[in-house]
Protein backbone atom coordinates (compact mmCIF):
# COMPACT_ATOMS: atom_id res chain seq x y z
CA UNK A 1 108.03 90.35 85.27
CA UNK A 2 105.74 88.11 83.47
CA UNK A 3 104.31 86.81 86.12
CA UNK A 4 103.32 90.46 87.26
CA UNK A 5 99.90 90.97 86.09
CA UNK A 6 98.60 87.50 87.69
CA UNK A 7 99.71 88.64 90.83
CA UNK A 8 98.00 91.90 90.72
CA UNK A 9 94.75 90.55 89.35
CA UNK A 10 95.05 87.51 92.31
CA UNK A 11 95.63 90.29 94.65
CA UNK A 12 92.88 92.46 93.54
CA UNK A 13 90.69 89.46 93.90
CA UNK A 14 91.27 88.74 97.91
CA UNK A 15 90.70 92.65 98.31
CA UNK A 16 87.62 92.45 96.47
CA UNK A 17 86.54 89.06 98.67
CA UNK A 18 87.75 90.58 101.82
CA UNK A 19 85.87 94.16 101.37
CA UNK A 20 82.74 91.60 100.28
CA UNK A 21 83.08 89.12 103.10
CA UNK A 22 83.43 92.01 105.95
CA UNK A 23 80.75 94.19 104.60
CA UNK A 24 78.44 91.86 105.77
CA UNK A 25 80.42 90.30 108.47
CA UNK A 26 79.21 86.83 107.66
CA UNK A 27 81.27 83.20 108.27
CA UNK A 28 84.13 83.02 106.09
CA UNK A 29 83.89 78.98 105.39
CA UNK A 30 82.59 76.10 106.71
CA UNK A 31 85.03 73.12 107.02
CA UNK A 32 83.51 69.90 104.88
CA UNK A 33 86.29 68.11 104.67
CA UNK A 34 87.38 64.31 105.78
CA UNK A 35 88.09 64.61 109.15
CA UNK A 36 89.54 62.30 111.28
CA UNK A 37 87.67 59.92 113.71
CA UNK A 38 88.96 61.47 117.29
CA UNK A 39 88.08 65.39 115.32
CA UNK A 40 84.52 66.86 115.98
CA UNK A 41 83.02 66.66 112.51
CA UNK A 42 81.13 70.08 112.62
CA UNK A 43 81.78 72.88 110.46
CA UNK A 44 84.22 75.55 111.33
CA UNK A 45 83.53 79.43 110.86
CA UNK A 46 84.99 82.53 111.42
CA UNK A 47 83.93 86.32 111.37
CA UNK A 48 85.60 89.49 112.19
CA UNK A 49 84.74 92.91 112.58
CA UNK A 50 87.20 94.47 110.23
CA UNK A 51 87.71 92.23 107.54
CA UNK A 52 88.48 88.75 106.62
CA UNK A 53 91.47 88.30 104.17
CA UNK A 54 91.50 85.01 102.02
CA UNK A 55 94.94 84.03 100.88
CA UNK A 56 95.82 80.92 98.09
CA UNK A 57 98.57 81.22 95.79
CA UNK A 58 98.10 79.99 92.21
CA UNK A 59 99.22 76.40 91.92
CA UNK A 60 99.56 75.48 95.79
CA UNK A 61 97.59 73.11 97.44
CA UNK A 62 97.13 75.05 100.95
CA UNK A 63 96.23 78.66 101.94
CA UNK A 64 94.90 80.23 104.89
CA UNK A 65 92.05 82.91 105.89
CA UNK A 66 93.26 86.19 108.10
CA UNK A 67 90.34 87.37 110.53
CA UNK A 68 91.23 91.18 112.07
CA UNK A 69 89.55 93.08 114.29
CA UNK A 70 87.34 91.13 117.28
CA UNK A 71 87.85 87.61 115.36
CA UNK A 72 86.08 84.61 116.25
CA UNK A 73 86.47 81.09 114.86
CA UNK A 74 83.44 78.33 115.97
CA UNK A 75 83.38 74.87 115.88
CA UNK A 76 80.39 73.19 117.39
CA UNK A 77 80.45 74.48 121.18
CA UNK A 78 84.21 75.75 120.91
CA UNK A 79 85.27 79.66 120.39
CA UNK A 80 88.01 81.06 120.06
CA UNK A 81 88.19 84.64 120.28
CA UNK A 82 90.99 86.93 119.49
CA UNK A 83 92.19 90.22 117.89
CA UNK A 84 93.51 88.47 115.23
CA UNK A 85 92.70 84.96 113.85
CA UNK A 86 94.48 82.99 111.21
CA UNK A 87 92.81 79.63 110.05
CA UNK A 88 95.40 77.44 107.89
CA UNK A 89 94.07 74.98 104.95
CA UNK A 90 95.02 72.64 103.00
CA UNK A 91 93.03 71.35 99.84
CA UNK A 92 92.55 67.72 99.42
CA UNK A 93 91.63 65.46 96.58
CA UNK A 94 88.04 66.31 96.46
CA UNK A 95 88.96 69.69 96.30
CA UNK A 96 88.19 70.50 99.64
CA UNK A 97 89.58 72.24 102.62
CA UNK A 98 91.22 70.74 105.37
CA UNK A 99 91.88 73.46 108.21
CA UNK A 100 94.39 72.04 110.14
CA UNK A 101 95.32 75.06 112.60
CA UNK A 102 93.96 77.78 113.59
CA UNK A 103 96.23 80.81 115.17
CA UNK A 104 95.37 83.29 117.49
CA UNK A 105 97.37 86.55 118.45
CA UNK A 106 96.13 88.96 120.84
CA UNK A 107 93.44 89.05 123.54
CA UNK A 108 93.38 85.19 123.14
CA UNK A 109 90.09 83.28 125.00
CA UNK A 110 89.30 79.82 124.26
CA UNK A 111 85.66 79.47 125.54
CA UNK A 112 83.66 75.61 125.78
CA UNK A 113 80.72 75.80 127.95
CA UNK A 114 81.23 77.06 131.33
CA UNK A 115 85.77 77.11 130.93
CA UNK A 116 87.59 80.26 129.82
CA UNK A 117 91.54 79.68 129.00
CA UNK A 118 92.63 82.88 128.46
CA UNK A 119 96.40 83.94 126.90
CA UNK A 120 98.36 86.43 124.88
CA UNK A 121 99.01 84.09 122.01
CA UNK A 122 97.36 80.73 121.10
CA UNK A 123 96.99 77.59 117.86
CA UNK A 124 93.94 75.55 117.65
CA UNK A 125 95.94 72.08 116.28
CA UNK A 126 92.25 70.52 114.28
CA UNK A 127 93.47 66.72 114.67
CA UNK A 128 94.32 66.51 118.28
CA UNK A 129 91.40 69.24 119.65
CA UNK A 130 94.07 71.02 121.47
CA UNK A 131 94.51 74.62 122.22
CA UNK A 132 97.77 75.32 123.62
CA UNK A 133 98.06 79.35 125.25
CA UNK A 134 101.19 81.22 125.64
CA UNK A 135 102.03 84.79 127.19
CA UNK A 136 101.12 86.81 130.21
CA UNK A 137 98.69 86.40 132.70
CA UNK A 138 97.70 82.49 131.49
CA UNK A 139 94.36 81.22 133.07
CA UNK A 140 92.06 78.84 132.90
CA UNK A 141 88.13 79.92 135.03
CA UNK A 142 85.58 77.58 135.68
CA UNK A 143 82.53 77.78 137.86
CA UNK A 144 84.22 76.18 140.72
CA UNK A 145 87.87 77.30 140.24
CA UNK A 146 90.50 79.34 138.94
CA UNK A 147 94.11 77.88 137.63
CA UNK A 148 97.20 80.09 136.31
CA UNK A 149 100.53 79.12 134.63
CA UNK A 150 103.60 80.96 133.81
CA UNK A 151 104.77 78.86 130.68
CA UNK A 152 101.65 77.44 128.71
CA UNK A 153 98.15 75.93 129.24
CA UNK A 154 96.70 73.38 127.14
CA UNK A 155 92.82 72.81 126.86
CA UNK A 156 92.04 69.46 125.44
CA UNK A 157 88.31 70.34 124.00
CA UNK A 158 87.33 66.21 122.86
CA UNK A 159 88.88 64.97 126.13
CA UNK A 160 87.89 68.17 129.02
CA UNK A 161 91.72 68.44 130.10
CA UNK A 162 93.37 71.32 130.35
CA UNK A 163 97.14 71.81 131.45
CA UNK A 164 98.81 74.74 133.15
CA UNK A 165 102.53 74.19 132.85
CA UNK A 166 104.87 75.94 134.83
CA UNK A 167 104.18 77.38 138.43
CA UNK A 168 101.05 76.46 138.36
CA UNK A 169 98.40 77.37 141.17
CA UNK A 170 94.81 76.43 141.72
CA UNK A 171 92.82 79.21 143.32
CA UNK A 172 89.22 77.56 144.67
CA UNK A 173 87.32 79.70 146.70
CA UNK A 174 90.02 80.48 150.23
CA UNK A 175 91.92 77.18 148.99
CA UNK A 176 95.59 77.11 147.14
CA UNK A 177 97.74 74.22 145.74
CA UNK A 178 100.61 74.81 143.47
CA UNK A 179 102.84 72.44 141.38
CA UNK A 180 105.59 72.42 138.53
CA UNK A 181 102.69 70.95 136.47
CA UNK A 182 98.50 70.65 136.60
CA UNK A 183 96.45 68.41 134.52
CA UNK A 184 92.47 69.79 135.33
CA UNK A 185 89.84 67.39 134.67
CA UNK A 186 86.52 69.00 133.83
CA UNK A 187 83.19 67.18 134.34
CA UNK A 188 78.90 68.19 134.90
CA UNK A 189 78.03 68.70 138.47
CA UNK A 190 75.56 66.78 139.06
CA UNK A 191 74.07 69.38 141.18
CA UNK A 192 74.34 72.77 138.88
CA UNK A 193 73.94 71.27 135.40
CA UNK A 194 77.73 73.04 134.68
CA UNK A 195 80.64 71.97 133.79
CA UNK A 196 83.64 72.24 136.03
CA UNK A 197 86.73 71.19 137.35
CA UNK A 198 86.51 67.95 139.46
CA UNK A 199 89.96 67.12 139.81
CA UNK A 200 93.76 67.75 139.96
CA UNK A 201 96.86 65.74 139.02
CA UNK A 202 99.88 67.57 140.30
CA UNK A 203 103.51 66.69 139.52
CA UNK A 204 106.90 68.51 139.54
CA UNK A 205 106.41 69.21 143.51
CA UNK A 206 103.41 69.98 145.16
CA UNK A 207 102.52 73.09 147.91
CA UNK A 208 99.48 73.29 149.64
CA UNK A 209 98.35 76.09 152.34
CA UNK A 210 95.89 76.23 154.78
CA UNK A 211 95.49 78.59 157.63
CA UNK A 212 97.19 76.70 159.70
CA UNK A 213 99.40 74.19 157.80
CA UNK A 214 101.87 73.92 155.08
CA UNK A 215 101.82 70.70 153.34
CA UNK A 216 104.44 69.34 150.53
CA UNK A 217 104.99 66.76 148.52
CA UNK A 218 106.39 65.41 145.56
CA UNK A 219 102.93 64.72 143.34
CA UNK A 220 99.48 64.68 144.62
CA UNK A 221 95.44 63.86 143.32
CA UNK A 222 93.13 67.06 144.67
CA UNK A 223 89.17 65.92 144.56
CA UNK A 224 87.39 69.02 144.33
CA UNK A 225 84.03 67.82 145.23
CA UNK A 226 85.20 65.90 147.90
CA UNK A 227 87.83 68.47 148.70
CA UNK A 228 90.36 66.27 149.83
CA UNK A 229 94.06 66.01 148.51
CA UNK A 230 96.43 63.41 148.73
CA UNK A 231 100.60 63.73 148.66
CA UNK A 232 103.14 61.32 148.01
CA UNK A 233 106.27 61.61 147.89
CA UNK A 234 108.84 63.27 150.74
CA UNK A 235 105.57 64.69 152.04
CA UNK A 236 105.76 67.48 155.08
CA UNK A 237 103.31 68.95 157.48
CA UNK A 238 104.28 72.08 158.97
CA UNK A 239 102.61 73.73 161.39
CA UNK A 240 104.71 76.93 163.24
CA UNK A 241 107.83 75.35 164.12
CA UNK A 242 106.66 71.54 164.27
CA UNK A 243 106.66 68.96 161.55
CA UNK A 244 105.21 65.67 160.54
CA UNK A 245 107.13 63.44 157.43
CA UNK A 246 106.51 60.81 155.84
CA UNK A 247 105.57 58.91 152.35
CA UNK A 248 102.23 60.34 151.80
CA UNK A 249 99.52 62.70 153.71
CA UNK A 250 95.65 63.01 153.48
CA UNK A 251 94.77 67.26 153.09
CA UNK A 252 91.35 68.05 153.92
CA UNK A 253 90.89 71.36 152.33
CA UNK A 254 87.73 72.35 154.05
CA UNK A 255 88.41 71.82 157.80
CA UNK A 256 92.38 72.44 156.94
CA UNK A 257 93.19 69.48 158.52
CA UNK A 258 95.90 67.00 157.42
CA UNK A 259 97.31 63.49 158.32
CA UNK A 260 99.86 61.19 157.40
CA UNK A 261 98.96 58.04 155.78
CA UNK A 262 100.37 54.51 156.59
CA UNK A 263 102.62 52.86 154.24
CA UNK A 264 105.51 51.09 154.12
CA UNK A 265 107.76 53.28 155.46
CA UNK A 266 107.44 55.27 158.82
CA UNK A 267 106.29 58.22 159.71
CA UNK A 268 107.89 60.54 161.91
CA UNK A 269 107.41 63.75 163.77
CA UNK A 270 109.61 66.80 165.26
CA UNK A 271 107.96 68.63 167.85
CA UNK A 272 109.55 71.37 169.58
CA UNK A 273 109.37 72.42 173.60
CA UNK A 274 108.74 75.95 174.08
CA UNK A 275 110.74 76.36 176.88
């Protein structure tokens, strides 16, 4: 009971500060604490339409900022938007705030230049500089391709890598490739100057569909600029009832034609007669 007046004072302070910040629609804070060398050293800023609450209990060395309503967190060219954002921080020895994680809830979009990742919920881990999204309709969209996933979508902002886990599907124009896990490497297109997916590493079972063939294998690499996919591991090329089997195959995604590649094992073909 003796702590109640102090708690009420703190609650009043937090409420007043939240209303002040919300009324000006201003940035909530700038991160100026020491960061790891592999992190961006630019400040983190948040803003929201319906208010920002600052919570740090007396005597604690950690707290959070909670932004509600079209909330946005920015660091350099990375933007995270959602219905609600919570930025967790720790106070260091210099009495500065180290933001170590940003949680996002509801209609989450992670944007960096020409790439957008979507999910229902997510968390951005500052030290690793990775956003992990979960929920329904997970997808990564850039100028060249769309990648969807069932279980999780990771976006590594400094490494320019995205990882789609669980029934990952790549759609690029009229081309489709499916796999258990896909790792997308993002780089600049020398012609357009836009950042886009340049290569896909696919594992845990790969399935490629062309207008004339179905090609499956254990793992594969797809060069989106050359439009060539290479699959290895118990590869099967099926065209109607005819089938070719081998260790590796090359699929020209532009022409839809496939060929088995020579290796340490012999290739086999099963061709059915029409009689």
